[in-house]
Amino acid sequence: MEKYQSYLHKTIRKMDIQITKAWSVPHQELKVENLDNNSTVVQSAYNLKIYERNLQMKDAYVTKLSLLIDIINMTTPPGVWFNIERHTAADDDRIYFRDSVLEKLRVDLQELKDTPLIGA
C-alpha cells in the first residue's frame, strides 16, 4: 500500500496536480465467515484488515483527472480499490483518531490548573 501510494503521489505531481494532504486512516478489522450450504455451520473464517490511504488534490482539471483515472485503473494492484470523492468536514474527523492516554493527560492537567494553591 505504501509503495503504491508513493507511486500515485509521484505520478500526480508529474501531472502538475497539487497534492495538499496525504494521510492514512487506522485499519478496520473484519471477520468473514464462509457457511455451509443451507446451514449456519461455519465452514471457514477469516480475519481481514482493510487499510485506507488518502491523497487530497487541489485544482485538478477535468482533462488531467480523466487521464489520472485511466492510469489508476491500469496500475491498481489486486485487492486494492480506489474512490474519488470531494473532501468534506467528516473526512477531517477521520484523519485524527483519539489517543486515550493523551486525553487522560489533558484532563489531569486541567484538574491541576483548577486546583487552588495552598496559602494563596
N, C-alpha and C. Protein backbone atom coordinates (compact mmCIF):
# COMPACT_ATOMS: atom_id res chain seq x y z
N MET A 1 0.83 -1.19 0.00
CA MET A 1 0.00 0.00 0.00
C MET A 1 0.87 1.25 0.00
N GLU A 2 1.89 1.25 0.83
CA GLU A 2 2.73 2.44 0.93
C GLU A 2 3.46 2.72 -0.39
N LYS A 3 3.94 1.65 -1.04
CA LYS A 3 4.65 1.84 -2.31
C LYS A 3 3.70 2.33 -3.39
N TYR A 4 2.48 1.80 -3.40
CA TYR A 4 1.51 2.22 -4.41
C TYR A 4 1.10 3.67 -4.18
N GLN A 5 0.90 4.05 -2.91
CA GLN A 5 0.56 5.43 -2.61
C GLN A 5 1.70 6.36 -3.04
N SER A 6 2.93 5.94 -2.80
CA SER A 6 4.10 6.73 -3.21
C SER A 6 4.13 6.87 -4.74
N TYR A 7 3.85 5.78 -5.44
CA TYR A 7 3.81 5.82 -6.91
C TYR A 7 2.75 6.82 -7.39
N LEU A 8 1.56 6.75 -6.81
CA LEU A 8 0.49 7.68 -7.22
C LEU A 8 0.87 9.12 -6.90
N HIS A 9 1.47 9.32 -5.74
CA HIS A 9 1.89 10.66 -5.34
C HIS A 9 2.85 11.25 -6.37
N LYS A 10 3.84 10.47 -6.78
CA LYS A 10 4.82 10.93 -7.78
C LYS A 10 4.15 11.18 -9.13
N THR A 11 3.27 10.28 -9.52
CA THR A 11 2.58 10.41 -10.81
C THR A 11 1.72 11.67 -10.84
N ILE A 12 1.00 11.92 -9.76
CA ILE A 12 0.14 13.10 -9.69
C ILE A 12 0.97 14.38 -9.73
N ARG A 13 2.09 14.39 -9.03
CA ARG A 13 2.96 15.57 -9.06
C ARG A 13 3.52 15.81 -10.46
N LYS A 14 3.88 14.74 -11.18
CA LYS A 14 4.40 14.88 -12.54
C LYS A 14 3.34 15.43 -13.49
N MET A 15 2.07 15.22 -13.15
CA MET A 15 0.98 15.73 -13.97
C MET A 15 0.63 17.17 -13.62
N ASP A 16 1.43 17.79 -12.75
CA ASP A 16 1.23 19.17 -12.29
C ASP A 16 -0.11 19.36 -11.58
N ILE A 17 -0.52 18.35 -10.84
CA ILE A 17 -1.69 18.46 -9.97
C ILE A 17 -1.15 18.59 -8.55
N GLN A 18 -1.63 19.59 -7.84
CA GLN A 18 -1.13 19.86 -6.50
C GLN A 18 -1.77 18.92 -5.48
N ILE A 19 -0.93 18.26 -4.67
CA ILE A 19 -1.41 17.43 -3.56
C ILE A 19 -1.29 18.26 -2.29
N THR A 20 -2.41 18.48 -1.62
CA THR A 20 -2.40 19.32 -0.43
C THR A 20 -2.22 18.51 0.85
N LYS A 21 -2.69 17.26 0.87
CA LYS A 21 -2.55 16.40 2.04
C LYS A 21 -2.44 14.95 1.59
N ALA A 22 -1.75 14.17 2.40
CA ALA A 22 -1.70 12.72 2.22
C ALA A 22 -1.74 12.11 3.61
N TRP A 23 -2.66 11.16 3.83
CA TRP A 23 -2.79 10.58 5.16
C TRP A 23 -3.34 9.17 5.09
N SER A 24 -3.15 8.47 6.19
CA SER A 24 -3.73 7.13 6.31
C SER A 24 -4.73 7.14 7.45
N VAL A 25 -5.62 6.18 7.42
CA VAL A 25 -6.64 6.03 8.45
C VAL A 25 -6.37 4.71 9.17
N PRO A 26 -6.57 4.64 10.48
CA PRO A 26 -6.36 3.35 11.17
C PRO A 26 -7.15 2.23 10.49
N HIS A 27 -6.54 1.07 10.41
CA HIS A 27 -7.17 -0.04 9.67
C HIS A 27 -8.45 -0.52 10.37
N GLN A 28 -9.32 -1.12 9.58
CA GLN A 28 -10.55 -1.73 10.10
C GLN A 28 -10.35 -3.24 10.06
N GLU A 29 -10.86 -3.92 11.06
CA GLU A 29 -10.77 -5.38 11.09
C GLU A 29 -12.15 -5.97 10.84
N LEU A 30 -12.21 -6.90 9.91
CA LEU A 30 -13.46 -7.57 9.57
C LEU A 30 -13.30 -9.07 9.76
N LYS A 31 -14.34 -9.72 10.26
CA LYS A 31 -14.34 -11.17 10.35
C LYS A 31 -15.32 -11.68 9.30
N VAL A 32 -14.80 -12.50 8.40
CA VAL A 32 -15.61 -13.04 7.30
C VAL A 32 -15.75 -14.54 7.53
N GLU A 33 -16.99 -15.02 7.46
CA GLU A 33 -17.25 -16.44 7.66
C GLU A 33 -17.89 -17.03 6.42
N ASN A 34 -17.42 -18.21 6.04
CA ASN A 34 -17.97 -18.95 4.91
C ASN A 34 -18.83 -20.07 5.50
N LEU A 35 -20.13 -20.05 5.18
CA LEU A 35 -21.07 -21.02 5.74
C LEU A 35 -21.30 -22.19 4.79
N ASP A 36 -21.64 -23.36 5.36
CA ASP A 36 -22.04 -24.50 4.55
C ASP A 36 -23.37 -24.17 3.87
N ASN A 37 -23.65 -24.86 2.78
CA ASN A 37 -24.90 -24.64 2.04
C ASN A 37 -26.11 -24.89 2.93
N ASN A 38 -27.04 -23.95 2.91
CA ASN A 38 -28.33 -24.05 3.63
C ASN A 38 -28.16 -24.38 5.11
N SER A 39 -27.14 -23.82 5.75
CA SER A 39 -26.97 -24.06 7.18
C SER A 39 -26.26 -22.86 7.80
N THR A 40 -26.14 -22.92 9.12
CA THR A 40 -25.43 -21.86 9.83
C THR A 40 -24.08 -22.35 10.34
N VAL A 41 -23.65 -23.52 9.87
CA VAL A 41 -22.37 -24.08 10.27
C VAL A 41 -21.25 -23.35 9.53
N VAL A 42 -20.29 -22.87 10.28
CA VAL A 42 -19.18 -22.13 9.70
C VAL A 42 -18.18 -23.11 9.10
N GLN A 43 -17.96 -22.98 7.80
CA GLN A 43 -17.00 -23.84 7.11
C GLN A 43 -15.58 -23.30 7.29
N SER A 44 -15.42 -21.99 7.16
CA SER A 44 -14.12 -21.35 7.37
C SER A 44 -14.34 -19.90 7.79
N ALA A 45 -13.38 -19.36 8.51
CA ALA A 45 -13.45 -17.97 8.97
C ALA A 45 -12.13 -17.27 8.69
N TYR A 46 -12.22 -16.01 8.34
CA TYR A 46 -11.04 -15.22 8.01
C TYR A 46 -11.13 -13.88 8.73
N ASN A 47 -10.00 -13.42 9.19
CA ASN A 47 -9.90 -12.08 9.75
C ASN A 47 -9.18 -11.21 8.72
N LEU A 48 -9.88 -10.19 8.24
CA LEU A 48 -9.33 -9.30 7.22
C LEU A 48 -9.05 -7.93 7.81
N LYS A 49 -7.99 -7.33 7.36
CA LYS A 49 -7.68 -5.95 7.74
C LYS A 49 -7.81 -5.10 6.48
N ILE A 50 -8.55 -4.02 6.61
CA ILE A 50 -8.75 -3.11 5.49
C ILE A 50 -7.99 -1.82 5.80
N TYR A 51 -7.09 -1.46 4.90
CA TYR A 51 -6.26 -0.27 5.07
C TYR A 51 -6.74 0.80 4.11
N GLU A 52 -6.64 2.04 4.54
CA GLU A 52 -7.08 3.15 3.71
C GLU A 52 -5.99 4.22 3.64
N ARG A 53 -5.70 4.66 2.43
CA ARG A 53 -4.75 5.74 2.21
C ARG A 53 -5.46 6.82 1.40
N ASN A 54 -5.13 8.07 1.66
CA ASN A 54 -5.83 9.17 1.01
C ASN A 54 -4.84 10.19 0.46
N LEU A 55 -5.15 10.71 -0.70
CA LEU A 55 -4.42 11.82 -1.30
C LEU A 55 -5.44 12.90 -1.61
N GLN A 56 -5.21 14.09 -1.08
CA GLN A 56 -6.11 15.20 -1.34
C GLN A 56 -5.46 16.10 -2.38
N MET A 57 -6.18 16.37 -3.46
CA MET A 57 -5.66 17.16 -4.56
C MET A 57 -6.38 18.50 -4.64
N LYS A 58 -5.71 19.45 -5.28
CA LYS A 58 -6.29 20.77 -5.45
C LYS A 58 -6.12 21.18 -6.91
N ASP A 59 -7.12 21.84 -7.44
CA ASP A 59 -7.08 22.37 -8.81
C ASP A 59 -6.79 21.28 -9.84
N ALA A 60 -7.48 20.17 -9.75
CA ALA A 60 -7.33 19.09 -10.73
C ALA A 60 -8.30 19.34 -11.88
N TYR A 61 -7.76 19.66 -13.05
CA TYR A 61 -8.60 19.93 -14.21
C TYR A 61 -9.18 18.62 -14.74
N VAL A 62 -10.35 18.70 -15.33
CA VAL A 62 -11.06 17.52 -15.82
C VAL A 62 -10.22 16.76 -16.84
N THR A 63 -9.50 17.46 -17.68
CA THR A 63 -8.69 16.78 -18.71
C THR A 63 -7.59 15.94 -18.07
N LYS A 64 -6.96 16.47 -17.03
CA LYS A 64 -5.91 15.72 -16.35
C LYS A 64 -6.50 14.63 -15.46
N LEU A 65 -7.64 14.93 -14.86
CA LEU A 65 -8.26 13.96 -13.95
C LEU A 65 -8.71 12.71 -14.69
N SER A 66 -9.23 12.86 -15.90
CA SER A 66 -9.64 11.68 -16.67
C SER A 66 -8.43 10.80 -17.02
N LEU A 67 -7.30 11.44 -17.34
CA LEU A 67 -6.08 10.68 -17.61
C LEU A 67 -5.60 9.98 -16.34
N LEU A 68 -5.65 10.68 -15.20
CA LEU A 68 -5.24 10.09 -13.93
C LEU A 68 -6.10 8.88 -13.58
N ILE A 69 -7.40 8.97 -13.81
CA ILE A 69 -8.29 7.83 -13.52
C ILE A 69 -7.91 6.64 -14.39
N ASP A 70 -7.58 6.88 -15.65
CA ASP A 70 -7.14 5.78 -16.52
C ASP A 70 -5.85 5.15 -16.01
N ILE A 71 -4.90 5.97 -15.57
CA ILE A 71 -3.63 5.46 -15.04
C ILE A 71 -3.89 4.61 -13.80
N ILE A 72 -4.75 5.11 -12.91
CA ILE A 72 -5.06 4.37 -11.68
C ILE A 72 -5.73 3.04 -12.02
N ASN A 73 -6.67 3.05 -12.96
CA ASN A 73 -7.34 1.81 -13.37
C ASN A 73 -6.36 0.77 -13.90
N MET A 74 -5.36 1.21 -14.64
CA MET A 74 -4.40 0.28 -15.24
C MET A 74 -3.35 -0.22 -14.26
N THR A 75 -3.07 0.55 -13.20
CA THR A 75 -1.95 0.20 -12.31
C THR A 75 -2.37 -0.29 -10.93
N THR A 76 -3.66 -0.29 -10.64
CA THR A 76 -4.11 -0.70 -9.31
C THR A 76 -3.80 -2.17 -9.07
N PRO A 77 -3.07 -2.48 -7.98
CA PRO A 77 -2.75 -3.88 -7.68
C PRO A 77 -3.99 -4.68 -7.29
N PRO A 78 -3.93 -6.00 -7.38
CA PRO A 78 -5.07 -6.84 -6.97
C PRO A 78 -5.38 -6.62 -5.48
N GLY A 79 -6.65 -6.57 -5.17
CA GLY A 79 -7.08 -6.39 -3.79
C GLY A 79 -7.14 -4.95 -3.35
N VAL A 80 -6.82 -4.03 -4.26
CA VAL A 80 -6.85 -2.60 -3.94
C VAL A 80 -7.93 -1.95 -4.79
N TRP A 81 -8.73 -1.07 -4.20
CA TRP A 81 -9.70 -0.32 -4.97
C TRP A 81 -9.58 1.14 -4.60
N PHE A 82 -10.13 2.01 -5.43
CA PHE A 82 -10.00 3.44 -5.18
C PHE A 82 -11.33 4.14 -5.35
N ASN A 83 -11.46 5.28 -4.68
CA ASN A 83 -12.62 6.16 -4.79
C ASN A 83 -12.11 7.56 -5.03
N ILE A 84 -12.85 8.31 -5.81
CA ILE A 84 -12.56 9.73 -5.97
C ILE A 84 -13.77 10.47 -5.43
N GLU A 85 -13.53 11.25 -4.39
CA GLU A 85 -14.62 11.94 -3.70
C GLU A 85 -14.23 13.37 -3.39
N ARG A 86 -15.22 14.21 -3.21
CA ARG A 86 -14.99 15.58 -2.76
C ARG A 86 -14.70 15.53 -1.26
N HIS A 87 -13.71 16.28 -0.80
CA HIS A 87 -13.32 16.31 0.61
C HIS A 87 -14.39 17.04 1.42
N THR A 88 -14.74 16.45 2.57
CA THR A 88 -15.75 17.05 3.44
C THR A 88 -15.19 17.22 4.85
N ALA A 89 -15.95 17.90 5.71
CA ALA A 89 -15.54 18.09 7.11
C ALA A 89 -15.49 16.75 7.84
N ALA A 90 -16.34 15.81 7.47
CA ALA A 90 -16.33 14.48 8.10
C ALA A 90 -15.01 13.75 7.84
N ASP A 91 -14.40 14.02 6.69
CA ASP A 91 -13.10 13.40 6.39
C ASP A 91 -12.03 13.89 7.36
N ASP A 92 -12.10 15.16 7.74
CA ASP A 92 -11.14 15.70 8.71
C ASP A 92 -11.25 14.99 10.05
N ASP A 93 -12.46 14.63 10.46
CA ASP A 93 -12.65 13.91 11.72
C ASP A 93 -12.03 12.52 11.67
N ARG A 94 -12.01 11.90 10.50
CA ARG A 94 -11.45 10.55 10.37
C ARG A 94 -9.92 10.54 10.33
N ILE A 95 -9.33 11.68 9.98
CA ILE A 95 -7.87 11.76 9.88
C ILE A 95 -7.24 11.56 11.25
N TYR A 96 -7.82 12.21 12.25
CA TYR A 96 -7.24 12.19 13.59
C TYR A 96 -8.04 11.24 14.46
N PHE A 97 -7.36 10.30 15.11
CA PHE A 97 -8.06 9.39 16.00
C PHE A 97 -7.65 9.68 17.43
N ARG A 98 -8.53 9.38 18.34
CA ARG A 98 -8.33 9.72 19.74
C ARG A 98 -7.25 8.86 20.38
N ASP A 99 -6.41 9.49 21.15
CA ASP A 99 -5.39 8.82 21.93
C ASP A 99 -5.84 8.90 23.39
N SER A 100 -6.24 7.77 23.97
CA SER A 100 -6.81 7.77 25.32
C SER A 100 -5.81 8.25 26.36
N VAL A 101 -4.55 7.94 26.20
CA VAL A 101 -3.53 8.39 27.15
C VAL A 101 -3.41 9.91 27.11
N LEU A 102 -3.36 10.46 25.91
CA LEU A 102 -3.26 11.90 25.76
C LEU A 102 -4.50 12.60 26.32
N GLU A 103 -5.67 12.03 26.08
CA GLU A 103 -6.91 12.61 26.62
C GLU A 103 -6.88 12.63 28.14
N LYS A 104 -6.40 11.54 28.77
CA LYS A 104 -6.32 11.48 30.23
C LYS A 104 -5.34 12.52 30.76
N LEU A 105 -4.21 12.69 30.08
CA LEU A 105 -3.24 13.71 30.50
C LEU A 105 -3.83 15.11 30.40
N ARG A 106 -4.63 15.36 29.40
CA ARG A 106 -5.27 16.68 29.27
C ARG A 106 -6.24 16.92 30.41
N VAL A 107 -7.02 15.89 30.78
CA VAL A 107 -7.95 16.02 31.90
C VAL A 107 -7.19 16.25 33.20
N ASP A 108 -6.11 15.50 33.41
CA ASP A 108 -5.30 15.67 34.62
C ASP A 108 -4.69 17.07 34.69
N LEU A 109 -4.23 17.59 33.57
CA LEU A 109 -3.65 18.92 33.53
C LEU A 109 -4.69 19.97 33.86
N GLN A 110 -5.90 19.81 33.32
CA GLN A 110 -6.97 20.77 33.61
C GLN A 110 -7.34 20.74 35.08
N GLU A 111 -7.36 19.54 35.70
CA GLU A 111 -7.65 19.43 37.13
C GLU A 111 -6.58 20.14 37.95
N LEU A 112 -5.31 20.00 37.56
CA LEU A 112 -4.22 20.69 38.28
C LEU A 112 -4.35 22.21 38.13
N LYS A 113 -4.75 22.67 36.96
CA LYS A 113 -4.92 24.10 36.76
C LYS A 113 -6.08 24.64 37.62
N ASP A 114 -7.13 23.83 37.79
CA ASP A 114 -8.30 24.25 38.55
C ASP A 114 -8.11 24.14 40.07
N THR A 115 -7.08 23.43 40.52
CA THR A 115 -6.83 23.24 41.96
C THR A 115 -6.21 24.52 42.53
N PRO A 116 -6.83 25.08 43.60
CA PRO A 116 -6.28 26.32 44.20
C PRO A 116 -4.96 26.01 44.91
N LEU A 117 -4.08 26.97 44.91
CA LEU A 117 -2.79 26.82 45.60
C LEU A 117 -2.99 26.97 47.10
N ILE A 118 -2.23 26.21 47.88
CA ILE A 118 -2.30 26.27 49.35
C ILE A 118 -1.62 27.55 49.81
N GLY A 119 -2.30 28.29 50.69
CA GLY A 119 -1.74 29.52 51.26
C GLY A 119 -1.82 30.70 50.32
N ALA A 120 -2.54 30.55 49.23
CA ALA A 120 -2.63 31.70 48.31
C ALA A 120 -3.84 32.54 48.63
